[in-house]
Amino acid sequence: MIYGRTATRFGLRNSHRVIGILGVLATALGVSGAQTAHAAVPAITSISVSSVTTPSAAFTFTVTGTNFVLPARRTHGTIVTAENCGPISSTVNSTTQITVSVPALKAVATAQTLELYVETPGQGRSPVASDVAFTIDPPVQGPPPTIVSLSETSVTTPTSAFTFTVTGTNFVVGTTALPYHSKVVSVEWGPLNTTVNSATELTVSLPGIPKVKTAEVLHLYVENPDLTQSSTASELTFTINPPVPGVPPTFTALSASSVTPPVRDFSFTVTGAGFVTGKGERNQSVVYSEEYGPLDTEYNSATQLTVYLGSIRKEKTAITLHLYVQNPDGTRSAAANDIVFTIE
């Protein structure tokens, strides 16, 4: 029995004084196995539902037995517990009946059995012989989905958020009660953000993607909530491409070719052509020094940039910077046109 995995799939939440079914192991509830002198031990005689086939909508079942205790202002009532998984979300209705609440469940790959018992803090647990089995079954699988085509097969980076559609068959829409639906999965990235439009069309939403240096290929397939998948042979590819190099910038002149320190808040302008701007510093033209790398650059227009050197202390010897301009697509001004800037 794989209780840990089952616990994750149940994912129930805390409910007053009892913890959600299989959400986490039991926490400090003040439960004690010791019996008081006059307390009767609770016992289970039956449960109204002994199994569920996943995926499943939220549901409840009742536990019938004897000597159940209703919670009081300062004390815990009787709780239903799954062996090795801790207390589960339940409500004591009377001394002979408890209602257990189960949320919607995702599909499990193999059947998993929970051994249920009841216990009352300070009074003990039901006899092991009266433990009752509750089984979580894998789905009855339907026809697997197929994936036929993509509305877009590639994107050039950098890009803002975008969508594309996937066409195929046997997609599952899902409902409010049973909120599981078909998903597009990338072998490389895992499940993608998917919206089911119909039994034959899905929409995939991807966030903005920064510039990549080399192309990355995603191999896509569709998985239904009953765990059936489109065939490996029918996987489709979606390619994330690096930027298409544009016309390289040109670099023609500086407003100042030297500076004599000490000086504060020093800047100069760079004149040329083909300068570009975009969101963020990495998406605009930048002035580089062969010696120091990228300099603090502000985009003014397609023909002018401003370089900020800040405060410069007096140097013992002159410093020479060989400057060029580089665009975000990786193109740079011709090396033959590098311009020298001197710090005297």
Protein backbone atom coordinates (compact mmCIF):
# COMPACT_ATOMS: atom_id res chain seq x y z
CA MET A 1 0.00 0.00 0.00
CA ILE A 2 1.49 3.32 -1.10
CA TYR A 3 0.04 5.65 1.49
CA GLY A 4 2.37 8.60 0.91
CA ARG A 5 1.42 8.91 -2.77
CA THR A 6 -2.25 8.47 -1.97
CA ALA A 7 -1.97 11.18 0.64
CA THR A 8 -0.72 13.63 -1.97
CA ARG A 9 -3.54 12.79 -4.36
CA PHE A 10 -6.26 13.29 -1.75
CA GLY A 11 -4.93 16.76 -0.78
CA LEU A 12 -7.74 17.52 1.73
CA ARG A 13 -7.61 20.62 3.92
CA ASN A 14 -7.86 21.11 7.70
CA SER A 15 -11.45 21.11 8.88
CA HIS A 16 -11.89 22.51 12.38
CA ARG A 17 -10.33 19.96 14.74
CA VAL A 18 -9.61 17.23 12.20
CA ILE A 19 -7.04 17.21 9.44
CA GLY A 20 -7.93 16.72 5.75
CA ILE A 21 -7.83 13.16 4.43
CA LEU A 22 -4.28 12.16 3.47
CA GLY A 23 -3.24 15.81 3.09
CA VAL A 24 -0.52 15.50 5.70
CA LEU A 25 0.38 13.19 8.53
CA ALA A 26 -1.44 13.73 11.81
CA THR A 27 -0.28 16.77 13.74
CA ALA A 28 -0.40 17.42 17.47
CA LEU A 29 -4.10 16.87 18.10
CA GLY A 30 -3.66 15.80 21.69
CA VAL A 31 -4.78 12.27 20.80
CA SER A 32 -4.06 9.68 23.44
CA GLY A 33 -4.41 5.91 23.32
CA ALA A 34 -5.01 5.71 27.03
CA GLN A 35 -8.52 4.92 28.23
CA THR A 36 -10.27 6.66 31.08
CA ALA A 37 -11.79 4.51 33.76
CA HIS A 38 -15.40 4.76 32.49
CA ALA A 39 -14.91 5.59 28.78
CA ALA A 40 -16.24 3.21 26.16
CA VAL A 41 -13.99 2.47 23.20
CA PRO A 42 -15.52 3.48 19.84
CA ALA A 43 -15.96 0.90 17.10
CA ILE A 44 -16.81 0.79 13.38
CA THR A 45 -19.52 -1.56 12.17
CA SER A 46 -19.82 -0.40 8.52
CA ILE A 47 -19.20 2.36 5.97
CA SER A 48 -21.71 3.46 3.32
CA VAL A 49 -19.11 3.56 0.55
CA SER A 50 -16.11 1.23 0.50
CA SER A 51 -14.40 2.36 -2.73
CA VAL A 52 -14.16 5.14 -5.30
CA THR A 53 -13.06 5.08 -8.92
CA THR A 54 -10.82 7.99 -9.86
CA PRO A 55 -10.93 10.65 -11.15
CA SER A 56 -13.87 11.49 -8.92
CA ALA A 57 -16.01 14.46 -7.99
CA ALA A 58 -16.19 15.48 -4.33
CA PHE A 59 -18.36 13.16 -2.27
CA THR A 60 -19.17 12.04 1.27
CA PHE A 61 -19.73 8.70 2.95
CA THR A 62 -20.92 7.72 6.40
CA VAL A 63 -19.23 5.64 9.04
CA THR A 64 -21.59 3.71 11.30
CA GLY A 65 -20.54 2.35 14.68
CA THR A 66 -20.85 2.69 18.42
CA ASN A 67 -19.64 4.92 21.24
CA PHE A 68 -18.84 7.93 19.04
CA VAL A 69 -18.33 11.17 21.00
CA LEU A 70 -19.47 14.58 19.70
CA PRO A 71 -16.89 17.37 20.07
CA ALA A 72 -17.43 19.74 22.99
CA ARG A 73 -16.18 23.28 23.55
CA ARG A 74 -12.82 22.24 24.95
CA THR A 75 -12.51 18.62 23.81
CA HIS A 76 -12.13 16.69 20.60
CA GLY A 77 -14.83 14.35 19.41
CA THR A 78 -14.31 10.99 17.78
CA ILE A 79 -12.20 11.14 14.62
CA VAL A 80 -11.85 8.85 11.62
CA THR A 81 -8.24 7.93 10.84
CA ALA A 82 -6.54 6.16 7.95
CA GLU A 83 -3.74 3.83 9.01
CA ASN A 84 -0.33 5.45 8.41
CA CYS A 85 -1.97 8.58 6.96
CA GLY A 86 -3.52 10.28 9.97
CA PRO A 87 -6.96 11.80 10.73
CA ILE A 88 -9.32 12.52 7.86
CA SER A 89 -11.91 15.26 7.39
CA SER A 90 -15.07 14.14 9.17
CA THR A 91 -18.04 15.35 11.21
CA VAL A 92 -19.60 13.47 14.11
CA ASN A 93 -23.38 13.41 13.60
CA SER A 94 -24.32 11.24 16.56
CA THR A 95 -22.97 8.55 18.84
CA THR A 96 -23.42 6.05 16.00
CA GLN A 97 -22.68 8.00 12.82
CA ILE A 98 -19.84 10.09 11.33
CA THR A 99 -19.77 11.78 7.90
CA VAL A 100 -16.48 11.76 5.99
CA SER A 101 -15.95 14.43 3.28
CA VAL A 102 -13.71 13.70 0.29
CA PRO A 103 -12.81 16.36 -2.30
CA ALA A 104 -12.47 15.76 -6.03
CA LEU A 105 -9.74 13.18 -6.63
CA LYS A 106 -7.24 12.92 -9.48
CA ALA A 107 -6.72 9.57 -11.15
CA VAL A 108 -4.40 7.08 -9.48
CA ALA A 109 -2.27 4.70 -11.52
CA THR A 110 -2.87 1.68 -9.27
CA ALA A 111 -5.46 0.70 -6.66
CA GLN A 112 -4.64 1.83 -3.13
CA THR A 113 -6.35 0.64 0.04
CA LEU A 114 -6.79 2.65 3.25
CA GLU A 115 -7.45 0.92 6.55
CA LEU A 116 -9.91 3.11 8.48
CA TYR A 117 -10.51 3.16 12.22
CA VAL A 118 -12.01 5.59 14.75
CA GLU A 119 -10.52 6.98 17.92
CA THR A 120 -11.61 9.34 20.67
CA PRO A 121 -8.92 11.45 22.36
CA GLY A 122 -8.44 10.20 25.89
CA GLN A 123 -10.57 7.09 25.31
CA GLY A 124 -8.63 5.06 22.74
CA ARG A 125 -9.13 3.65 19.26
CA SER A 126 -11.45 1.05 17.84
CA PRO A 127 -10.26 -2.59 17.90
CA VAL A 128 -7.95 -3.49 15.01
CA ALA A 129 -10.33 -6.31 14.12
CA SER A 130 -13.00 -3.73 13.27
CA ASP A 131 -10.81 -1.72 10.88
CA VAL A 132 -12.58 -1.19 7.56
CA ALA A 133 -10.91 -1.03 4.13
CA PHE A 134 -11.57 1.87 1.74
CA THR A 135 -10.17 1.43 -1.78
CA ILE A 136 -9.12 4.13 -4.23
CA ASP A 137 -9.31 2.59 -7.69
CA PRO A 138 -7.64 3.65 -10.96
CA PRO A 139 -9.93 4.99 -13.69
CA VAL A 140 -11.93 3.01 -16.18
CA GLN A 141 -10.04 4.26 -19.21
CA GLY A 142 -11.79 5.62 -22.26
CA PRO A 143 -10.46 6.06 -25.79
CA PRO A 144 -7.05 7.79 -25.68
CA PRO A 145 -6.68 11.29 -27.09
CA THR A 146 -5.00 11.94 -30.41
CA ILE A 147 -2.93 14.97 -31.36
CA VAL A 148 -3.05 16.01 -35.02
CA SER A 149 -1.74 19.54 -35.54
CA LEU A 150 -0.62 22.84 -33.96
CA SER A 151 -1.71 26.29 -35.10
CA GLU A 152 1.88 27.47 -34.51
CA THR A 153 4.96 25.29 -34.57
CA SER A 154 7.59 27.81 -33.46
CA VAL A 155 8.24 31.16 -31.83
CA THR A 156 11.17 33.56 -32.09
CA THR A 157 12.51 34.96 -28.84
CA PRO A 158 12.35 37.24 -26.98
CA THR A 159 8.56 37.15 -26.92
CA SER A 160 5.66 38.28 -24.75
CA ALA A 161 3.01 35.82 -23.54
CA PHE A 162 1.26 34.01 -26.38
CA THR A 163 -1.10 31.13 -27.20
CA PHE A 164 -1.47 28.43 -29.83
CA THR A 165 -4.11 25.79 -30.48
CA VAL A 166 -3.81 22.01 -30.58
CA THR A 167 -6.17 20.00 -32.78
CA GLY A 168 -6.98 16.33 -32.21
CA THR A 169 -9.71 14.01 -30.90
CA ASN A 170 -11.11 12.60 -27.65
CA PHE A 171 -10.21 15.61 -25.50
CA VAL A 172 -11.99 15.82 -22.11
CA VAL A 173 -13.52 19.15 -21.12
CA GLY A 174 -14.09 18.64 -17.39
CA THR A 175 -16.85 20.12 -15.22
CA THR A 176 -17.18 22.15 -12.05
CA ALA A 177 -17.92 18.98 -10.08
CA LEU A 178 -15.13 17.02 -11.77
CA PRO A 179 -12.48 19.68 -12.50
CA TYR A 180 -10.04 17.52 -14.45
CA HIS A 181 -9.47 17.93 -18.15
CA SER A 182 -7.08 17.11 -20.98
CA LYS A 183 -3.66 18.71 -20.81
CA VAL A 184 -0.92 19.31 -23.32
CA VAL A 185 2.36 17.99 -21.95
CA SER A 186 5.90 18.76 -23.05
CA VAL A 187 8.43 15.98 -22.56
CA GLU A 188 10.95 18.68 -21.63
CA TRP A 189 8.79 21.08 -19.56
CA GLY A 190 5.98 18.91 -18.20
CA PRO A 191 2.27 19.92 -18.22
CA LEU A 192 1.54 23.20 -20.01
CA ASN A 193 -1.23 25.68 -19.16
CA THR A 194 -4.11 24.21 -21.17
CA THR A 195 -7.70 25.29 -21.84
CA VAL A 196 -10.11 22.79 -23.41
CA ASN A 197 -12.25 24.44 -26.07
CA SER A 198 -13.95 21.27 -27.31
CA ALA A 199 -13.40 17.56 -27.76
CA THR A 200 -11.18 18.39 -30.74
CA GLU A 201 -9.39 21.63 -29.76
CA LEU A 202 -7.14 22.80 -26.93
CA THR A 203 -5.47 26.17 -26.31
CA VAL A 204 -1.99 26.30 -24.81
CA SER A 205 -0.91 29.52 -23.03
CA LEU A 206 2.79 30.21 -22.59
CA PRO A 207 4.36 33.12 -20.67
CA GLY A 208 6.86 35.53 -22.18
CA ILE A 209 10.09 33.77 -23.13
CA PRO A 210 13.45 35.60 -22.92
CA LYS A 211 16.00 35.44 -25.69
CA VAL A 212 17.59 32.03 -26.15
CA LYS A 213 21.00 31.48 -27.73
CA THR A 214 20.16 28.19 -29.41
CA ALA A 215 16.89 26.64 -30.58
CA GLU A 216 15.00 24.48 -28.07
CA VAL A 217 12.53 21.85 -29.28
CA LEU A 218 9.50 20.81 -27.18
CA HIS A 219 7.95 17.41 -27.88
CA LEU A 220 4.22 17.66 -27.20
CA TYR A 221 1.53 15.09 -26.44
CA VAL A 222 -1.92 15.14 -24.79
CA GLU A 223 -2.87 13.40 -21.54
CA ASN A 224 -6.47 12.86 -20.45
CA PRO A 225 -7.59 12.81 -16.79
CA ASP A 226 -7.99 9.03 -16.96
CA LEU A 227 -4.20 8.90 -17.61
CA THR A 228 -4.54 7.83 -21.25
CA GLN A 229 -2.13 9.62 -23.60
CA SER A 230 -1.74 10.28 -27.27
CA SER A 231 0.73 7.91 -28.90
CA THR A 232 4.45 8.57 -28.78
CA ALA A 233 4.59 8.24 -32.56
CA SER A 234 2.17 11.18 -32.95
CA GLU A 235 4.09 13.66 -30.78
CA LEU A 236 4.32 17.11 -32.36
CA THR A 237 7.22 19.52 -31.97
CA PHE A 238 7.19 23.20 -31.03
CA THR A 239 10.47 25.10 -31.48
CA ILE A 240 11.70 28.07 -29.45
CA ASN A 241 14.14 29.94 -31.68
CA PRO A 242 16.85 32.49 -30.96
CA PRO A 243 16.36 36.00 -32.39
CA VAL A 244 16.70 36.50 -36.14
CA PRO A 245 19.74 38.77 -36.52
CA GLY A 246 18.76 42.13 -37.95
CA VAL A 247 20.80 44.86 -39.61
CA PRO A 248 23.76 45.58 -37.32
CA PRO A 249 24.03 49.03 -35.77
CA THR A 250 26.53 51.58 -37.03
CA PHE A 251 28.76 53.69 -34.80
CA THR A 252 29.93 57.05 -36.14
CA ALA A 253 30.81 59.58 -33.42
CA LEU A 254 31.07 60.54 -29.74
CA SER A 255 30.11 63.91 -28.27
CA ALA A 256 33.36 63.73 -26.27
CA SER A 257 36.36 61.54 -26.97
CA SER A 258 38.14 62.07 -23.65
CA VAL A 259 37.75 63.35 -20.10
CA THR A 260 40.26 64.68 -17.56
CA PRO A 261 39.45 63.53 -14.01
CA PRO A 262 38.55 64.10 -11.33
CA VAL A 263 34.98 64.63 -12.57
CA ARG A 264 31.50 63.88 -11.25
CA ASP A 265 28.45 62.50 -13.06
CA PHE A 266 30.14 62.41 -16.42
CA SER A 267 28.25 61.31 -19.54
CA PHE A 268 28.57 61.55 -23.30
CA THR A 269 26.44 60.74 -26.33
CA VAL A 270 27.02 58.19 -29.06
CA THR A 271 25.79 58.88 -32.59
CA GLY A 272 25.09 56.23 -35.20
CA ALA A 273 22.17 54.34 -36.78
CA GLY A 274 20.12 51.18 -36.25
CA PHE A 275 19.85 51.56 -32.47
CA VAL A 276 16.86 49.72 -30.96
CA THR A 277 14.93 49.70 -27.70
CA GLY A 278 12.63 47.27 -25.91
CA LYS A 279 11.43 46.26 -22.47
CA GLY A 280 14.38 46.00 -20.08
CA GLU A 281 18.06 46.78 -20.52
CA ARG A 282 18.73 43.50 -22.29
CA ASN A 283 16.34 44.43 -25.07
CA GLN A 284 17.98 47.67 -26.13
CA SER A 285 21.20 48.76 -27.82
CA VAL A 286 24.14 48.97 -25.42
CA VAL A 287 27.56 50.61 -25.72
CA TYR A 288 30.37 48.20 -24.86
CA SER A 289 34.01 48.73 -23.98
CA GLU A 290 36.41 46.03 -25.13
CA GLU A 291 38.18 46.46 -21.78
CA TYR A 292 35.23 46.67 -19.33
CA GLY A 293 32.20 45.16 -21.06
CA PRO A 294 28.73 46.80 -21.14
CA LEU A 295 28.50 50.43 -20.04
CA ASP A 296 25.52 52.19 -18.46
CA THR A 297 23.58 53.10 -21.62
CA GLU A 298 20.35 55.03 -22.17
CA TYR A 299 18.45 54.79 -25.44
CA ASN A 300 17.50 58.20 -26.84
CA SER A 301 16.57 57.38 -30.44
CA ALA A 302 17.47 55.12 -33.35
CA THR A 303 20.50 57.35 -33.92
CA GLN A 304 21.59 58.40 -30.44
CA LEU A 305 22.57 56.78 -27.14
CA THR A 306 23.82 58.28 -23.88
CA VAL A 307 26.63 56.63 -21.89
CA TYR A 308 26.95 57.38 -18.16
CA LEU A 309 30.40 56.92 -16.59
CA GLY A 310 29.50 58.58 -13.28
CA SER A 311 32.22 60.01 -11.07
CA ILE A 312 35.83 59.38 -12.18
CA ARG A 313 38.82 59.74 -9.90
CA LYS A 314 42.17 61.07 -11.05
CA GLU A 315 44.30 58.32 -12.55
CA LYS A 316 48.10 58.04 -12.58
CA THR A 317 48.09 56.87 -16.17
CA ALA A 318 45.66 57.34 -19.04
CA ILE A 319 42.97 54.68 -19.63
CA THR A 320 41.85 53.95 -23.17
CA LEU A 321 38.43 52.44 -23.91
CA HIS A 322 37.67 50.89 -27.32
CA LEU A 323 33.92 51.34 -27.79
CA TYR A 324 31.32 49.65 -29.98
CA VAL A 325 27.52 49.23 -30.01
CA GLN A 326 25.68 45.91 -29.71
CA ASN A 327 21.97 45.28 -30.34
CA PRO A 328 19.89 42.76 -28.33
CA ASP A 329 19.86 40.33 -31.28
CA GLY A 330 23.64 40.00 -30.88
CA THR A 331 24.65 42.08 -33.88
CA ARG A 332 27.35 44.71 -33.27
CA SER A 333 28.86 47.67 -35.03
CA ALA A 334 31.81 46.84 -37.27
CA ALA A 335 35.07 46.33 -35.38
CA ALA A 336 36.77 48.65 -37.90
CA ASN A 337 34.50 51.46 -36.65
CA ASP A 338 35.32 51.10 -32.94
CA ILE A 339 35.93 54.53 -31.43
CA VAL A 340 38.48 55.26 -28.71
CA PHE A 341 37.55 57.14 -25.54
CA THR A 342 40.38 58.24 -23.24
CA ILE A 343 40.38 58.94 -19.51
CA GLU A 344 43.40 61.28 -19.20
